[in-house]
Amino acid sequence: MKTYEIVKNNYINELGEPDKDRFQVRWRMKSWFFGIPYWKYVTERICGMGDCYNSRLNFKTKKLAEHHVTEILCKGIETETVQKEIVSTINCGE
């Protein structure tokens, strides 16, 4: 069983005032190197203009972050995957 934490980040704008709160989800991992535990953030893959990169998944509210953990991560639903479905098969004559 994985342990998840929801982390609140307060972004400060150029005037030094709190601007936006963002919530991120992380889980506890054990390193292959001496089994040292560390935290790994849930990420999303963003693609555009010919390149892709992984970014931490941000939520606007704590409730949305909790929903993501309970309804997707705890249930083991795969994310960031492609689901294929064969919609038709055509056989050309022999």
PDB file of N, CA and C in Angstrom:
ATOM      1  N   MET A   1       0.836  -1.177   0.000  1.00  0.00           N
ATOM      2  CA  MET A   1       0.000   0.000   0.000  1.00  0.00           C
ATOM      3  C   MET A   1       0.882   1.241   0.000  1.00  0.00           C
ATOM      4  N   LYS A   2       0.559   2.173  -0.874  1.00  0.00           N
ATOM      5  CA  LYS A   2       1.332   3.411  -0.943  1.00  0.00           C
ATOM      6  C   LYS A   2       0.742   4.446   0.009  1.00  0.00           C
ATOM      7  N   THR A   3       1.609   5.289   0.513  1.00  0.00           N
ATOM      8  CA  THR A   3       1.190   6.410   1.338  1.00  0.00           C
ATOM      9  C   THR A   3       1.295   7.673   0.499  1.00  0.00           C
ATOM     10  N   TYR A   4       0.187   8.386   0.392  1.00  0.00           N
ATOM     11  CA  TYR A   4       0.150   9.614  -0.390  1.00  0.00           C
ATOM     12  C   TYR A   4       0.064  10.820   0.531  1.00  0.00           C
ATOM     13  N   GLU A   5       0.680  11.912   0.105  1.00  0.00           N
ATOM     14  CA  GLU A   5       0.590  13.186   0.821  1.00  0.00           C
ATOM     15  C   GLU A   5       0.160  14.258  -0.177  1.00  0.00           C
ATOM     16  N   ILE A   6      -0.648  15.189   0.309  1.00  0.00           N
ATOM     17  CA  ILE A   6      -1.035  16.339  -0.495  1.00  0.00           C
ATOM     18  C   ILE A   6      -0.268  17.537   0.039  1.00  0.00           C
ATOM     19  N   VAL A   7       0.483  18.185  -0.833  1.00  0.00           N
ATOM     20  CA  VAL A   7       1.354  19.299  -0.457  1.00  0.00           C
ATOM     21  C   VAL A   7       0.759  20.589  -1.014  1.00  0.00           C
ATOM     22  N   LYS A   8       0.629  21.601  -0.159  1.00  0.00           N
ATOM     23  CA  LYS A   8       0.122  22.904  -0.590  1.00  0.00           C
ATOM     24  C   LYS A   8       1.304  23.830  -0.863  1.00  0.00           C
ATOM     25  N   ASN A   9       1.313  24.423  -2.044  1.00  0.00           N
ATOM     26  CA  ASN A   9       2.350  25.379  -2.415  1.00  0.00           C
ATOM     27  C   ASN A   9       1.724  26.746  -2.561  1.00  0.00           C
ATOM     28  N   ASN A  10       2.274  27.725  -1.878  1.00  0.00           N
ATOM     29  CA  ASN A  10       1.804  29.100  -1.982  1.00  0.00           C
ATOM     30  C   ASN A  10       2.754  29.850  -2.904  1.00  0.00           C
ATOM     31  N   TYR A  11       2.257  30.254  -4.060  1.00  0.00           N
ATOM     32  CA  TYR A  11       3.083  31.000  -4.991  1.00  0.00           C
ATOM     33  C   TYR A  11       3.021  32.486  -4.648  1.00  0.00           C
ATOM     34  N   ILE A  12       4.153  33.123  -4.628  1.00  0.00           N
ATOM     35  CA  ILE A  12       4.264  34.536  -4.305  1.00  0.00           C
ATOM     36  C   ILE A  12       4.549  35.297  -5.597  1.00  0.00           C
ATOM     37  N   ASN A  13       3.762  36.349  -5.863  1.00  0.00           N
ATOM     38  CA  ASN A  13       3.954  37.109  -7.101  1.00  0.00           C
ATOM     39  C   ASN A  13       5.127  38.082  -6.979  1.00  0.00           C
ATOM     40  N   GLU A  14       5.331  38.890  -8.027  1.00  0.00           N
ATOM     41  CA  GLU A  14       6.475  39.807  -8.051  1.00  0.00           C
ATOM     42  C   GLU A  14       6.375  40.917  -7.015  1.00  0.00           C
ATOM     43  N   LEU A  15       5.189  41.137  -6.448  1.00  0.00           N
ATOM     44  CA  LEU A  15       5.021  42.146  -5.401  1.00  0.00           C
ATOM     45  C   LEU A  15       5.202  41.577  -3.999  1.00  0.00           C
ATOM     46  N   GLY A  16       5.492  40.295  -3.931  1.00  0.00           N
ATOM     47  CA  GLY A  16       5.703  39.654  -2.641  1.00  0.00           C
ATOM     48  C   GLY A  16       4.411  39.265  -1.943  1.00  0.00           C
ATOM     49  N   GLU A  17       3.314  39.202  -2.701  1.00  0.00           N
ATOM     50  CA  GLU A  17       2.014  38.847  -2.130  1.00  0.00           C
ATOM     51  C   GLU A  17       1.631  37.434  -2.571  1.00  0.00           C
ATOM     52  N   PRO A  18       0.923  36.703  -1.692  1.00  0.00           N
ATOM     53  CA  PRO A  18       0.454  35.375  -2.109  1.00  0.00           C
ATOM     54  C   PRO A  18      -0.472  35.500  -3.303  1.00  0.00           C
ATOM     55  N   ASP A  19      -0.217  34.708  -4.332  1.00  0.00           N
ATOM     56  CA  ASP A  19      -0.976  34.833  -5.572  1.00  0.00           C
ATOM     57  C   ASP A  19      -1.913  33.646  -5.764  1.00  0.00           C
ATOM     58  N   LYS A  20      -1.366  32.453  -5.827  1.00  0.00           N
ATOM     59  CA  LYS A  20      -2.162  31.260  -6.080  1.00  0.00           C
ATOM     60  C   LYS A  20      -1.708  30.133  -5.171  1.00  0.00           C
ATOM     61  N   ASP A  21      -2.674  29.365  -4.703  1.00  0.00           N
ATOM     62  CA  ASP A  21      -2.360  28.142  -3.968  1.00  0.00           C
ATOM     63  C   ASP A  21      -2.499  26.983  -4.939  1.00  0.00           C
ATOM     64  N   ARG A  22      -1.540  26.100  -4.940  1.00  0.00           N
ATOM     65  CA  ARG A  22      -1.579  24.900  -5.763  1.00  0.00           C
ATOM     66  C   ARG A  22      -1.318  23.704  -4.858  1.00  0.00           C
ATOM     67  N   PHE A  23      -2.001  22.614  -5.153  1.00  0.00           N
ATOM     68  CA  PHE A  23      -1.845  21.392  -4.385  1.00  0.00           C
ATOM     69  C   PHE A  23      -1.246  20.325  -5.284  1.00  0.00           C
ATOM     70  N   GLN A  24      -0.267  19.600  -4.739  1.00  0.00           N
ATOM     71  CA  GLN A  24       0.406  18.537  -5.477  1.00  0.00           C
ATOM     72  C   GLN A  24       0.376  17.267  -4.645  1.00  0.00           C
ATOM     73  N   VAL A  25       0.371  16.128  -5.324  1.00  0.00           N
ATOM     74  CA  VAL A  25       0.317  14.829  -4.663  1.00  0.00           C
ATOM     75  C   VAL A  25       1.666  14.154  -4.801  1.00  0.00           C
ATOM     76  N   ARG A  26       2.136  13.560  -3.715  1.00  0.00           N
ATOM     77  CA  ARG A  26       3.377  12.792  -3.761  1.00  0.00           C
ATOM     78  C   ARG A  26       3.195  11.496  -2.978  1.00  0.00           C
ATOM     79  N   TRP A  27       4.046  10.507  -3.284  1.00  0.00           N
ATOM     80  CA  TRP A  27       4.002   9.247  -2.551  1.00  0.00           C
ATOM     81  C   TRP A  27       5.394   8.828  -2.161  1.00  0.00           C
ATOM     82  N   ARG A  28       5.442   7.963  -1.153  1.00  0.00           N
ATOM     83  CA  ARG A  28       6.704   7.528  -0.575  1.00  0.00           C
ATOM     84  C   ARG A  28       7.269   6.362  -1.365  1.00  0.00           C
ATOM     85  N   MET A  29       8.533   6.486  -1.742  1.00  0.00           N
ATOM     86  CA  MET A  29       9.238   5.441  -2.482  1.00  0.00           C
ATOM     87  C   MET A  29      10.475   5.018  -1.692  1.00  0.00           C
ATOM     88  N   LYS A  30      10.960   3.825  -1.992  1.00  0.00           N
ATOM     89  CA  LYS A  30      12.235   3.384  -1.417  1.00  0.00           C
ATOM     90  C   LYS A  30      13.249   3.275  -2.535  1.00  0.00           C
ATOM     91  N   SER A  31      14.407   3.822  -2.298  1.00  0.00           N
ATOM     92  CA  SER A  31      15.473   3.804  -3.290  1.00  0.00           C
ATOM     93  C   SER A  31      16.069   2.409  -3.399  1.00  0.00           C
ATOM     94  N   TRP A  32      16.560   2.101  -4.576  1.00  0.00           N
ATOM     95  CA  TRP A  32      17.269   0.831  -4.746  1.00  0.00           C
ATOM     96  C   TRP A  32      18.628   0.901  -4.066  1.00  0.00           C
ATOM     97  N   PHE A  33      19.072   2.104  -3.759  1.00  0.00           N
ATOM     98  CA  PHE A  33      20.373   2.319  -3.131  1.00  0.00           C
ATOM     99  C   PHE A  33      20.197   2.344  -1.615  1.00  0.00           C
ATOM    100  N   PHE A  34      20.497   1.278  -0.947  1.00  0.00           N
ATOM    101  CA  PHE A  34      20.390   1.114   0.502  1.00  0.00           C
ATOM    102  C   PHE A  34      18.971   1.260   1.029  1.00  0.00           C
ATOM    103  N   GLY A  35      17.968   1.227   0.159  1.00  0.00           N
ATOM    104  CA  GLY A  35      16.584   1.308   0.602  1.00  0.00           C
ATOM    105  C   GLY A  35      16.218   2.619   1.268  1.00  0.00           C
ATOM    106  N   ILE A  36      16.886   3.692   0.914  1.00  0.00           N
ATOM    107  CA  ILE A  36      16.618   4.995   1.518  1.00  0.00           C
ATOM    108  C   ILE A  36      15.286   5.526   0.989  1.00  0.00           C
ATOM    109  N   PRO A  37      14.325   5.868   1.863  1.00  0.00           N
ATOM    110  CA  PRO A  37      13.035   6.365   1.395  1.00  0.00           C
ATOM    111  C   PRO A  37      13.110   7.824   0.931  1.00  0.00           C
ATOM    112  N   TYR A  38      12.283   8.148  -0.052  1.00  0.00           N
ATOM    113  CA  TYR A  38      12.176   9.523  -0.540  1.00  0.00           C
ATOM    114  C   TYR A  38      10.766   9.723  -1.089  1.00  0.00           C
ATOM    115  N   TRP A  39      10.420  10.967  -1.385  1.00  0.00           N
ATOM    116  CA  TRP A  39       9.094  11.296  -1.904  1.00  0.00           C
ATOM    117  C   TRP A  39       9.167  11.539  -3.408  1.00  0.00           C
ATOM    118  N   LYS A  40       8.198  11.011  -4.152  1.00  0.00           N
ATOM    119  CA  LYS A  40       8.120  11.210  -5.594  1.00  0.00           C
ATOM    120  C   LYS A  40       6.759  11.840  -5.911  1.00  0.00           C
ATOM    121  N   TYR A  41       6.783  12.917  -6.690  1.00  0.00           N
ATOM    122  CA  TYR A  41       5.551  13.623  -7.036  1.00  0.00           C
ATOM    123  C   TYR A  41       4.845  12.969  -8.217  1.00  0.00           C
ATOM    124  N   VAL A  42       3.513  13.045  -8.225  1.00  0.00           N
ATOM    125  CA  VAL A  42       2.714  12.598  -9.350  1.00  0.00           C
ATOM    126  C   VAL A  42       2.916  13.612 -10.470  1.00  0.00           C
ATOM    127  N   THR A  43       3.235  13.123 -11.662  1.00  0.00           N
ATOM    128  CA  THR A  43       3.535  14.025 -12.780  1.00  0.00           C
ATOM    129  C   THR A  43       2.568  13.784 -13.937  1.00  0.00           C
ATOM    130  N   GLU A  44       2.537  14.738 -14.836  1.00  0.00           N
ATOM    131  CA  GLU A  44       1.799  14.605 -16.077  1.00  0.00           C
ATOM    132  C   GLU A  44       2.747  14.919 -17.224  1.00  0.00           C
ATOM    133  N   ARG A  45       2.508  14.294 -18.362  1.00  0.00           N
ATOM    134  CA  ARG A  45       3.355  14.514 -19.539  1.00  0.00           C
ATOM    135  C   ARG A  45       2.691  15.569 -20.412  1.00  0.00           C
ATOM    136  N   ILE A  46       3.430  16.618 -20.711  1.00  0.00           N
ATOM    137  CA  ILE A  46       2.932  17.719 -21.524  1.00  0.00           C
ATOM    138  C   ILE A  46       3.733  17.749 -22.827  1.00  0.00           C
ATOM    139  N   CYS A  47       3.009  17.717 -23.937  1.00  0.00           N
ATOM    140  CA  CYS A  47       3.664  17.726 -25.252  1.00  0.00           C
ATOM    141  C   CYS A  47       3.165  18.907 -26.071  1.00  0.00           C
ATOM    142  N   GLY A  48       4.079  19.481 -26.827  1.00  0.00           N
ATOM    143  CA  GLY A  48       3.710  20.573 -27.710  1.00  0.00           C
ATOM    144  C   GLY A  48       4.927  21.122 -28.414  1.00  0.00           C
ATOM    145  N   MET A  49       4.715  21.626 -29.607  1.00  0.00           N
ATOM    146  CA  MET A  49       5.781  22.241 -30.391  1.00  0.00           C
ATOM    147  C   MET A  49       6.963  21.299 -30.611  1.00  0.00           C
ATOM    148  N   GLY A  50       6.698  19.995 -30.723  1.00  0.00           N
ATOM    149  CA  GLY A  50       7.739  19.050 -31.068  1.00  0.00           C
ATOM    150  C   GLY A  50       8.523  18.463 -29.912  1.00  0.00           C
ATOM    151  N   ASP A  51       8.203  18.831 -28.675  1.00  0.00           N
ATOM    152  CA  ASP A  51       8.922  18.242 -27.544  1.00  0.00           C
ATOM    153  C   ASP A  51       7.942  17.924 -26.423  1.00  0.00           C
ATOM    154  N   CYS A  52       8.360  17.043 -25.519  1.00  0.00           N
ATOM    155  CA  CYS A  52       7.535  16.638 -24.382  1.00  0.00           C
ATOM    156  C   CYS A  52       8.373  16.730 -23.104  1.00  0.00           C
ATOM    157  N   TYR A  53       7.689  16.988 -22.001  1.00  0.00           N
ATOM    158  CA  TYR A  53       8.366  17.005 -20.702  1.00  0.00           C
ATOM    159  C   TYR A  53       7.367  16.620 -19.619  1.00  0.00           C
ATOM    160  N   ASN A  54       7.884  16.165 -18.493  1.00  0.00           N
ATOM    161  CA  ASN A  54       7.055  15.802 -17.352  1.00  0.00           C
ATOM    162  C   ASN A  54       7.004  16.969 -16.376  1.00  0.00           C
ATOM    163  N   SER A  55       5.818  17.249 -15.890  1.00  0.00           N
ATOM    164  CA  SER A  55       5.607  18.343 -14.946  1.00  0.00           C
ATOM    165  C   SER A  55       4.776  17.826 -13.777  1.00  0.00           C
ATOM    166  N   ARG A  56       4.989  18.393 -12.603  1.00  0.00           N
ATOM    167  CA  ARG A  56       4.178  17.998 -11.460  1.00  0.00           C
ATOM    168  C   ARG A  56       2.717  18.329 -11.723  1.00  0.00           C
ATOM    169  N   LEU A  57       1.848  17.404 -11.350  1.00  0.00           N
ATOM    170  CA  LEU A  57       0.421  17.583 -11.545  1.00  0.00           C
ATOM    171  C   LEU A  57      -0.108  18.520 -10.467  1.00  0.00           C
ATOM    172  N   ASN A  58      -0.687  19.659 -10.877  1.00  0.00           N
ATOM    173  CA  ASN A  58      -1.195  20.668  -9.945  1.00  0.00           C
ATOM    174  C   ASN A  58      -2.709  20.627  -9.879  1.00  0.00           C
ATOM    175  N   PHE A  59      -3.245  20.839  -8.689  1.00  0.00           N
ATOM    176  CA  PHE A  59      -4.679  20.928  -8.474  1.00  0.00           C
ATOM    177  C   PHE A  59      -4.993  22.282  -7.861  1.00  0.00           C
ATOM    178  N   LYS A  60      -6.156  22.851  -8.214  1.00  0.00           N
ATOM    179  CA  LYS A  60      -6.528  24.167  -7.704  1.00  0.00           C
ATOM    180  C   LYS A  60      -7.019  24.111  -6.263  1.00  0.00           C
ATOM    181  N   THR A  61      -7.624  22.975  -5.867  1.00  0.00           N
ATOM    182  CA  THR A  61      -8.149  22.854  -4.503  1.00  0.00           C
ATOM    183  C   THR A  61      -7.687  21.545  -3.874  1.00  0.00           C
ATOM    184  N   LYS A  62      -7.728  21.519  -2.561  1.00  0.00           N
ATOM    185  CA  LYS A  62      -7.377  20.308  -1.815  1.00  0.00           C
ATOM    186  C   LYS A  62      -8.381  19.199  -2.108  1.00  0.00           C
ATOM    187  N   LYS A  63      -9.634  19.582  -2.288  1.00  0.00           N
ATOM    188  CA  LYS A  63     -10.685  18.604  -2.563  1.00  0.00           C
ATOM    189  C   LYS A  63     -10.434  17.873  -3.880  1.00  0.00           C
ATOM    190  N   LEU A  64      -9.990  18.597  -4.907  1.00  0.00           N
ATOM    191  CA  LEU A  64      -9.668  17.957  -6.189  1.00  0.00           C
ATOM    192  C   LEU A  64      -8.478  17.015  -6.059  1.00  0.00           C
ATOM    193  N   ALA A  65      -7.483  17.399  -5.278  1.00  0.00           N
ATOM    194  CA  ALA A  65      -6.314  16.535  -5.064  1.00  0.00           C
ATOM    195  C   ALA A  65      -6.710  15.270  -4.312  1.00  0.00           C
ATOM    196  N   GLU A  66      -7.547  15.414  -3.286  1.00  0.00           N
ATOM    197  CA  GLU A  66      -8.011  14.243  -2.532  1.00  0.00           C
ATOM    198  C   GLU A  66      -8.841  13.321  -3.425  1.00  0.00           C
ATOM    199  N   HIS A  67      -9.668  13.896  -4.277  1.00  0.00           N
ATOM    200  CA  HIS A  67     -10.470  13.099  -5.203  1.00  0.00           C
ATOM    201  C   HIS A  67      -9.571  12.302  -6.144  1.00  0.00           C
ATOM    202  N   HIS A  68      -8.511  12.915  -6.645  1.00  0.00           N
ATOM    203  CA  HIS A  68      -7.579  12.223  -7.543  1.00  0.00           C
ATOM    204  C   HIS A  68      -6.919  11.035  -6.833  1.00  0.00           C
ATOM    205  N   VAL A  69      -6.540  11.230  -5.572  1.00  0.00           N
ATOM    206  CA  VAL A  69      -5.902  10.143  -4.822  1.00  0.00           C
ATOM    207  C   VAL A  69      -6.890   9.010  -4.572  1.00  0.00           C
ATOM    208  N   THR A  70      -8.077   9.329  -4.046  1.00  0.00           N
ATOM    209  CA  THR A  70      -9.023   8.273  -3.664  1.00  0.00           C
ATOM    210  C   THR A  70      -9.675   7.584  -4.849  1.00  0.00           C
ATOM    211  N   GLU A  71      -9.974   8.329  -5.914  1.00  0.00           N
ATOM    212  CA  GLU A  71     -10.713   7.748  -7.029  1.00  0.00           C
ATOM    213  C   GLU A  71      -9.834   7.189  -8.138  1.00  0.00           C
ATOM    214  N   ILE A  72      -8.576   7.610  -8.219  1.00  0.00           N
ATOM    215  CA  ILE A  72      -7.718   7.144  -9.314  1.00  0.00           C
ATOM    216  C   ILE A  72      -6.503   6.381  -8.796  1.00  0.00           C
ATOM    217  N   LEU A  73      -5.714   7.014  -7.941  1.00  0.00           N
ATOM    218  CA  LEU A  73      -4.464   6.377  -7.503  1.00  0.00           C
ATOM    219  C   LEU A  73      -4.704   5.183  -6.591  1.00  0.00           C
ATOM    220  N   CYS A  74      -5.585   5.311  -5.608  1.00  0.00           N
ATOM    221  CA  CYS A  74      -5.833   4.207  -4.678  1.00  0.00           C
ATOM    222  C   CYS A  74      -6.503   3.022  -5.355  1.00  0.00           C
ATOM    223  N   LYS A  75      -7.274   3.287  -6.396  1.00  0.00           N
ATOM    224  CA  LYS A  75      -7.955   2.203  -7.114  1.00  0.00           C
ATOM    225  C   LYS A  75      -7.065   1.551  -8.160  1.00  0.00           C
ATOM    226  N   GLY A  76      -5.872   2.102  -8.379  1.00  0.00           N
ATOM    227  CA  GLY A  76      -4.931   1.504  -9.318  1.00  0.00           C
ATOM    228  C   GLY A  76      -5.258   1.762 -10.779  1.00  0.00           C
ATOM    229  N   ILE A  77      -6.036   2.801 -11.050  1.00  0.00           N
ATOM    230  CA  ILE A  77      -6.369   3.129 -12.435  1.00  0.00           C
ATOM    231  C   ILE A  77      -5.130   3.717 -13.106  1.00  0.00           C
ATOM    232  N   GLU A  78      -4.806   3.197 -14.283  1.00  0.00           N
ATOM    233  CA  GLU A  78      -3.620   3.677 -14.993  1.00  0.00           C
ATOM    234  C   GLU A  78      -3.886   5.052 -15.578  1.00  0.00           C
ATOM    235  N   THR A  79      -2.891   5.905 -15.470  1.00  0.00           N
ATOM    236  CA  THR A  79      -2.990   7.236 -16.065  1.00  0.00           C
ATOM    237  C   THR A  79      -1.845   7.410 -17.053  1.00  0.00           C
ATOM    238  N   GLU A  80      -1.973   8.387 -17.908  1.00  0.00           N
ATOM    239  CA  GLU A  80      -0.952   8.687 -18.910  1.00  0.00           C
ATOM    240  C   GLU A  80      -0.648   7.465 -19.776  1.00  0.00           C
ATOM    241  N   THR A  81      -1.687   6.741 -20.175  1.00  0.00           N
ATOM    242  CA  THR A  81      -1.521   5.592 -21.063  1.00  0.00           C
ATOM    243  C   THR A  81      -2.433   5.774 -22.268  1.00  0.00           C
ATOM    244  N   VAL A  82      -2.237   4.954 -23.254  1.00  0.00           N
ATOM    245  CA  VAL A  82      -3.074   4.964 -24.443  1.00  0.00           C
ATOM    246  C   VAL A  82      -3.892   3.682 -24.447  1.00  0.00           C
ATOM    247  N   GLN A  83      -5.185   3.825 -24.597  1.00  0.00           N
ATOM    248  CA  GLN A  83      -6.055   2.662 -24.674  1.00  0.00           C
ATOM    249  C   GLN A  83      -6.429   2.451 -26.133  1.00  0.00           C
ATOM    250  N   LYS A  84      -6.170   1.240 -26.633  1.00  0.00           N
ATOM    251  CA  LYS A  84      -6.441   0.926 -28.032  1.00  0.00           C
ATOM    252  C   LYS A  84      -7.680   0.048 -28.132  1.00  0.00           C
ATOM    253  N   GLU A  85      -8.426   0.285 -29.201  1.00  0.00           N
ATOM    254  CA  GLU A  85      -9.617  -0.508 -29.461  1.00  0.00           C
ATOM    255  C   GLU A  85      -9.703  -0.741 -30.967  1.00  0.00           C
ATOM    256  N   ILE A  86      -9.845  -1.995 -31.364  1.00  0.00           N
ATOM    257  CA  ILE A  86      -9.992  -2.303 -32.780  1.00  0.00           C
ATOM    258  C   ILE A  86     -11.444  -2.037 -33.150  1.00  0.00           C
ATOM    259  N   VAL A  87     -11.664  -1.119 -34.083  1.00  0.00           N
ATOM    260  CA  VAL A  87     -13.029  -0.740 -34.447  1.00  0.00           C
ATOM    261  C   VAL A  87     -13.510  -1.450 -35.706  1.00  0.00           C
ATOM    262  N   SER A  88     -12.613  -1.911 -36.540  1.00  0.00           N
ATOM    263  CA  SER A  88     -13.016  -2.706 -37.704  1.00  0.00           C
ATOM    264  C   SER A  88     -11.802  -3.438 -38.271  1.00  0.00           C
ATOM    265  N   THR A  89     -12.086  -4.531 -38.969  1.00  0.00           N
ATOM    266  CA  THR A  89     -11.047  -5.307 -39.645  1.00  0.00           C
ATOM    267  C   THR A  89     -11.497  -5.517 -41.089  1.00  0.00           C
ATOM    268  N   ILE A  90     -10.598  -5.285 -42.006  1.00  0.00           N
ATOM    269  CA  ILE A  90     -10.910  -5.420 -43.427  1.00  0.00           C
ATOM    270  C   ILE A  90      -9.982  -6.448 -44.035  1.00  0.00           C
ATOM    271  N   ASN A  91     -10.547  -7.476 -44.656  1.00  0.00           N
ATOM    272  CA  ASN A  91      -9.757  -8.499 -45.345  1.00  0.00           C
ATOM    273  C   ASN A  91      -9.905  -8.278 -46.847  1.00  0.00           C
ATOM    274  N   CYS A  92      -8.781  -8.106 -47.511  1.00  0.00           N
ATOM    275  CA  CYS A  92      -8.804  -7.983 -48.959  1.00  0.00           C
ATOM    276  C   CYS A  92      -8.724  -9.387 -49.551  1.00  0.00           C
ATOM    277  N   GLY A  93      -9.398  -9.637 -50.674  1.00  0.00           N
ATOM    278  CA  GLY A  93      -9.453 -10.965 -51.299  1.00  0.00           C
ATOM    279  C   GLY A  93      -8.105 -11.620 -51.471  1.00  0.00           C
ATOM    280  N   GLU A  94      -8.140 -12.944 -51.552  1.00  0.00           N
ATOM    281  CA  GLU A  94      -6.891 -13.720 -51.680  1.00  0.00           C
ATOM    282  C   GLU A  94      -6.481 -13.887 -53.097  1.00  0.00           C
TER     283      GLU A  94
END
